[in-house]
Amino acid sequence: MTARDKSREKAAGACDNCGELFTVWVHDDGTVRPISPHNACSCDDPELRAVDETSL
């Protein structure tokens, strides 16, 4: 993960449904959202999570 931006942190992310990788914001409440809608998978109901080198 990278430097924090107030209540969120930029990280690598993945969709558990399709396996697509992209950049996400991880919020303090645990919510994971893509940084850009153009930077995410095309699943109708994505299951997003932050990933690191131990979870790939």
PDB file of N, CA and C in Angstrom:
ATOM      1  N   MET A   1       0.835  -1.175   0.000  1.00  0.00           N
ATOM      2  CA  MET A   1       0.000   0.000   0.000  1.00  0.00           C
ATOM      3  C   MET A   1       0.879   1.237   0.000  1.00  0.00           C
ATOM      4  N   THR A   2       0.298   2.363  -0.383  1.00  0.00           N
ATOM      5  CA  THR A   2       1.058   3.602  -0.481  1.00  0.00           C
ATOM      6  C   THR A   2       0.631   4.579   0.603  1.00  0.00           C
ATOM      7  N   ALA A   3       1.125   5.799   0.491  1.00  0.00           N
ATOM      8  CA  ALA A   3       0.812   6.829   1.483  1.00  0.00           C
ATOM      9  C   ALA A   3      -0.691   7.048   1.610  1.00  0.00           C
ATOM     10  N   ARG A   4      -1.091   7.405   2.820  1.00  0.00           N
ATOM     11  CA  ARG A   4      -2.507   7.641   3.099  1.00  0.00           C
ATOM     12  C   ARG A   4      -2.963   8.986   2.567  1.00  0.00           C
ATOM     13  N   ASP A   5      -4.218   9.093   2.229  1.00  0.00           N
ATOM     14  CA  ASP A   5      -4.862  10.322   1.787  1.00  0.00           C
ATOM     15  C   ASP A   5      -6.061  10.539   2.707  1.00  0.00           C
ATOM     16  N   LYS A   6      -5.826  11.143   3.870  1.00  0.00           N
ATOM     17  CA  LYS A   6      -6.844  11.345   4.913  1.00  0.00           C
ATOM     18  C   LYS A   6      -7.401  10.014   5.382  1.00  0.00           C
ATOM     19  N   SER A   7      -8.572   9.606   4.922  1.00  0.00           N
ATOM     20  CA  SER A   7      -9.202   8.385   5.430  1.00  0.00           C
ATOM     21  C   SER A   7      -9.146   7.230   4.437  1.00  0.00           C
ATOM     22  N   ARG A   8      -8.228   7.305   3.468  1.00  0.00           N
ATOM     23  CA  ARG A   8      -8.113   6.220   2.501  1.00  0.00           C
ATOM     24  C   ARG A   8      -6.661   6.016   2.100  1.00  0.00           C
ATOM     25  N   GLU A   9      -6.396   4.832   1.549  1.00  0.00           N
ATOM     26  CA  GLU A   9      -5.048   4.466   1.157  1.00  0.00           C
ATOM     27  C   GLU A   9      -5.102   3.773  -0.209  1.00  0.00           C
ATOM     28  N   LYS A  10      -4.187   4.123  -1.097  1.00  0.00           N
ATOM     29  CA  LYS A  10      -4.132   3.505  -2.418  1.00  0.00           C
ATOM     30  C   LYS A  10      -3.455   2.146  -2.310  1.00  0.00           C
ATOM     31  N   ALA A  11      -4.011   1.155  -3.040  1.00  0.00           N
ATOM     32  CA  ALA A  11      -3.456  -0.197  -2.992  1.00  0.00           C
ATOM     33  C   ALA A  11      -3.754  -0.930  -4.292  1.00  0.00           C
ATOM     34  N   ALA A  12      -3.073  -2.042  -4.489  1.00  0.00           N
ATOM     35  CA  ALA A  12      -3.429  -2.962  -5.562  1.00  0.00           C
ATOM     36  C   ALA A  12      -4.712  -3.661  -5.134  1.00  0.00           C
ATOM     37  N   GLY A  13      -5.585  -3.919  -6.083  1.00  0.00           N
ATOM     38  CA  GLY A  13      -6.842  -4.575  -5.761  1.00  0.00           C
ATOM     39  C   GLY A  13      -7.172  -5.661  -6.762  1.00  0.00           C
ATOM     40  N   ALA A  14      -8.103  -6.512  -6.405  1.00  0.00           N
ATOM     41  CA  ALA A  14      -8.547  -7.595  -7.273  1.00  0.00           C
ATOM     42  C   ALA A  14     -10.030  -7.827  -7.070  1.00  0.00           C
ATOM     43  N   CYS A  15     -10.659  -8.372  -8.099  1.00  0.00           N
ATOM     44  CA  CYS A  15     -12.050  -8.800  -8.009  1.00  0.00           C
ATOM     45  C   CYS A  15     -12.030 -10.306  -7.786  1.00  0.00           C
ATOM     46  N   ASP A  16     -12.652 -10.778  -6.713  1.00  0.00           N
ATOM     47  CA  ASP A  16     -12.692 -12.209  -6.428  1.00  0.00           C
ATOM     48  C   ASP A  16     -13.565 -12.966  -7.422  1.00  0.00           C
ATOM     49  N   ASN A  17     -14.457 -12.279  -8.135  1.00  0.00           N
ATOM     50  CA  ASN A  17     -15.314 -12.952  -9.112  1.00  0.00           C
ATOM     51  C   ASN A  17     -14.573 -13.299 -10.397  1.00  0.00           C
ATOM     52  N   CYS A  18     -13.795 -12.342 -10.937  1.00  0.00           N
ATOM     53  CA  CYS A  18     -13.156 -12.570 -12.237  1.00  0.00           C
ATOM     54  C   CYS A  18     -11.633 -12.611 -12.173  1.00  0.00           C
ATOM     55  N   GLY A  19     -11.039 -12.172 -11.051  1.00  0.00           N
ATOM     56  CA  GLY A  19      -9.590 -12.194 -10.915  1.00  0.00           C
ATOM     57  C   GLY A  19      -8.880 -10.989 -11.495  1.00  0.00           C
ATOM     58  N   GLU A  20      -9.613 -10.048 -12.062  1.00  0.00           N
ATOM     59  CA  GLU A  20      -9.011  -8.840 -12.640  1.00  0.00           C
ATOM     60  C   GLU A  20      -8.278  -8.046 -11.559  1.00  0.00           C
ATOM     61  N   LEU A  21      -7.100  -7.504 -11.906  1.00  0.00           N
ATOM     62  CA  LEU A  21      -6.312  -6.674 -10.996  1.00  0.00           C
ATOM     63  C   LEU A  21      -6.402  -5.215 -11.409  1.00  0.00           C
ATOM     64  N   PHE A  22      -6.454  -4.305 -10.436  1.00  0.00           N
ATOM     65  CA  PHE A  22      -6.512  -2.871 -10.702  1.00  0.00           C
ATOM     66  C   PHE A  22      -6.178  -2.112  -9.433  1.00  0.00           C
ATOM     67  N   THR A  23      -6.116  -0.795  -9.517  1.00  0.00           N
ATOM     68  CA  THR A  23      -5.773   0.044  -8.376  1.00  0.00           C
ATOM     69  C   THR A  23      -7.046   0.460  -7.635  1.00  0.00           C
ATOM     70  N   VAL A  24      -7.007   0.390  -6.297  1.00  0.00           N
ATOM     71  CA  VAL A  24      -8.183   0.691  -5.486  1.00  0.00           C
ATOM     72  C   VAL A  24      -7.841   1.668  -4.365  1.00  0.00           C
ATOM     73  N   TRP A  25      -8.877   2.271  -3.800  1.00  0.00           N
ATOM     74  CA  TRP A  25      -8.791   2.998  -2.541  1.00  0.00           C
ATOM     75  C   TRP A  25      -9.306   2.066  -1.464  1.00  0.00           C
ATOM     76  N   VAL A  26      -8.560   1.931  -0.370  1.00  0.00           N
ATOM     77  CA  VAL A  26      -9.017   1.186   0.800  1.00  0.00           C
ATOM     78  C   VAL A  26      -9.324   2.221   1.879  1.00  0.00           C
ATOM     79  N   HIS A  27     -10.590   2.326   2.256  1.00  0.00           N
ATOM     80  CA  HIS A  27     -11.041   3.313   3.227  1.00  0.00           C
ATOM     81  C   HIS A  27     -10.883   2.774   4.646  1.00  0.00           C
ATOM     82  N   ASP A  28     -10.827   3.673   5.610  1.00  0.00           N
ATOM     83  CA  ASP A  28     -10.661   3.296   7.021  1.00  0.00           C
ATOM     84  C   ASP A  28     -11.728   2.322   7.501  1.00  0.00           C
ATOM     85  N   ASP A  29     -12.928   2.381   6.922  1.00  0.00           N
ATOM     86  CA  ASP A  29     -14.000   1.478   7.344  1.00  0.00           C
ATOM     87  C   ASP A  29     -13.912   0.108   6.669  1.00  0.00           C
ATOM     88  N   GLY A  30     -12.856  -0.117   5.856  1.00  0.00           N
ATOM     89  CA  GLY A  30     -12.664  -1.396   5.187  1.00  0.00           C
ATOM     90  C   GLY A  30     -13.237  -1.460   3.789  1.00  0.00           C
ATOM     91  N   THR A  31     -13.965  -0.438   3.381  1.00  0.00           N
ATOM     92  CA  THR A  31     -14.532  -0.393   2.045  1.00  0.00           C
ATOM     93  C   THR A  31     -13.418  -0.316   1.010  1.00  0.00           C
ATOM     94  N   VAL A  32     -13.539  -1.093  -0.054  1.00  0.00           N
ATOM     95  CA  VAL A  32     -12.572  -1.090  -1.151  1.00  0.00           C
ATOM     96  C   VAL A  32     -13.304  -0.646  -2.409  1.00  0.00           C
ATOM     97  N   ARG A  33     -12.787   0.418  -3.048  1.00  0.00           N
ATOM     98  CA  ARG A  33     -13.412   0.955  -4.259  1.00  0.00           C
ATOM     99  C   ARG A  33     -12.337   1.207  -5.310  1.00  0.00           C
ATOM    100  N   PRO A  34     -12.664   0.982  -6.591  1.00  0.00           N
ATOM    101  CA  PRO A  34     -11.684   1.284  -7.632  1.00  0.00           C
ATOM    102  C   PRO A  34     -11.406   2.782  -7.672  1.00  0.00           C
ATOM    103  N   ILE A  35     -10.166   3.140  -8.006  1.00  0.00           N
ATOM    104  CA  ILE A  35      -9.818   4.556  -8.104  1.00  0.00           C
ATOM    105  C   ILE A  35     -10.571   5.207  -9.248  1.00  0.00           C
ATOM    106  N   SER A  36     -10.740   4.495 -10.345  1.00  0.00           N
ATOM    107  CA  SER A  36     -11.446   5.007 -11.508  1.00  0.00           C
ATOM    108  C   SER A  36     -12.382   3.935 -12.038  1.00  0.00           C
ATOM    109  N   PRO A  37     -13.578   4.297 -12.481  1.00  0.00           N
ATOM    110  CA  PRO A  37     -14.468   3.277 -13.061  1.00  0.00           C
ATOM    111  C   PRO A  37     -13.883   2.682 -14.347  1.00  0.00           C
ATOM    112  N   HIS A  38     -12.945   3.378 -14.966  1.00  0.00           N
ATOM    113  CA  HIS A  38     -12.289   2.865 -16.169  1.00  0.00           C
ATOM    114  C   HIS A  38     -11.150   1.926 -15.804  1.00  0.00           C
ATOM    115  N   ASN A  39     -10.854   1.827 -14.507  1.00  0.00           N
ATOM    116  CA  ASN A  39      -9.734   1.049 -13.996  1.00  0.00           C
ATOM    117  C   ASN A  39     -10.237  -0.146 -13.194  1.00  0.00           C
ATOM    118  N   ALA A  40     -11.367  -0.723 -13.587  1.00  0.00           N
ATOM    119  CA  ALA A  40     -11.954  -1.809 -12.805  1.00  0.00           C
ATOM    120  C   ALA A  40     -12.467  -2.896 -13.738  1.00  0.00           C
ATOM    121  N   CYS A  41     -12.915  -3.976 -13.164  1.00  0.00           N
ATOM    122  CA  CYS A  41     -13.455  -5.076 -13.960  1.00  0.00           C
ATOM    123  C   CYS A  41     -14.860  -4.742 -14.458  1.00  0.00           C
ATOM    124  N   SER A  42     -15.385  -5.594 -15.299  1.00  0.00           N
ATOM    125  CA  SER A  42     -16.712  -5.357 -15.859  1.00  0.00           C
ATOM    126  C   SER A  42     -17.782  -6.237 -15.227  1.00  0.00           C
ATOM    127  N   CYS A  43     -17.500  -6.836 -14.071  1.00  0.00           N
ATOM    128  CA  CYS A  43     -18.491  -7.664 -13.374  1.00  0.00           C
ATOM    129  C   CYS A  43     -19.698  -6.811 -12.973  1.00  0.00           C
ATOM    130  N   ASP A  44     -20.884  -7.403 -13.039  1.00  0.00           N
ATOM    131  CA  ASP A  44     -22.095  -6.694 -12.611  1.00  0.00           C
ATOM    132  C   ASP A  44     -22.093  -6.427 -11.114  1.00  0.00           C
ATOM    133  N   ASP A  45     -21.536  -7.348 -10.332  1.00  0.00           N
ATOM    134  CA  ASP A  45     -21.489  -7.216  -8.878  1.00  0.00           C
ATOM    135  C   ASP A  45     -20.089  -7.623  -8.394  1.00  0.00           C
ATOM    136  N   PRO A  46     -19.082  -6.732  -8.582  1.00  0.00           N
ATOM    137  CA  PRO A  46     -17.706  -7.112  -8.243  1.00  0.00           C
ATOM    138  C   PRO A  46     -17.508  -7.333  -6.751  1.00  0.00           C
ATOM    139  N   GLU A  47     -16.631  -8.270  -6.434  1.00  0.00           N
ATOM    140  CA  GLU A  47     -16.218  -8.550  -5.048  1.00  0.00           C
ATOM    141  C   GLU A  47     -14.784  -8.051  -4.924  1.00  0.00           C
ATOM    142  N   LEU A  48     -14.618  -6.807  -4.514  1.00  0.00           N
ATOM    143  CA  LEU A  48     -13.311  -6.170  -4.490  1.00  0.00           C
ATOM    144  C   LEU A  48     -12.576  -6.404  -3.174  1.00  0.00           C
ATOM    145  N   ARG A  49     -11.254  -6.547  -3.284  1.00  0.00           N
ATOM    146  CA  ARG A  49     -10.414  -6.662  -2.089  1.00  0.00           C
ATOM    147  C   ARG A  49      -9.046  -6.100  -2.423  1.00  0.00           C
ATOM    148  N   ALA A  50      -8.359  -5.637  -1.394  1.00  0.00           N
ATOM    149  CA  ALA A  50      -6.982  -5.189  -1.545  1.00  0.00           C
ATOM    150  C   ALA A  50      -6.079  -6.409  -1.537  1.00  0.00           C
ATOM    151  N   VAL A  51      -5.008  -6.370  -2.308  1.00  0.00           N
ATOM    152  CA  VAL A  51      -4.051  -7.477  -2.337  1.00  0.00           C
ATOM    153  C   VAL A  51      -2.653  -6.967  -2.056  1.00  0.00           C
ATOM    154  N   ASP A  52      -1.805  -7.851  -1.565  1.00  0.00           N
ATOM    155  CA  ASP A  52      -0.388  -7.553  -1.411  1.00  0.00           C
ATOM    156  C   ASP A  52       0.370  -8.790  -1.855  1.00  0.00           C
ATOM    157  N   GLU A  53       1.689  -8.755  -1.732  1.00  0.00           N
ATOM    158  CA  GLU A  53       2.486  -9.860  -2.249  1.00  0.00           C
ATOM    159  C   GLU A  53       2.202 -11.192  -1.560  1.00  0.00           C
ATOM    160  N   THR A  54       1.620 -11.186  -0.376  1.00  0.00           N
ATOM    161  CA  THR A  54       1.330 -12.431   0.317  1.00  0.00           C
ATOM    162  C   THR A  54      -0.026 -13.014  -0.063  1.00  0.00           C
ATOM    163  N   SER A  55      -0.884 -12.229  -0.731  1.00  0.00           N
ATOM    164  CA  SER A  55      -2.238 -12.714  -1.022  1.00  0.00           C
ATOM    165  C   SER A  55      -2.469 -13.006  -2.492  1.00  0.00           C
ATOM    166  N   LEU A  56      -1.431 -12.985  -3.311  1.00  0.00           N
ATOM    167  CA  LEU A  56      -1.608 -13.278  -4.730  1.00  0.00           C
ATOM    168  C   LEU A  56      -1.618 -14.748  -4.996  1.00  0.00           C
TER     169      LEU A  56
END
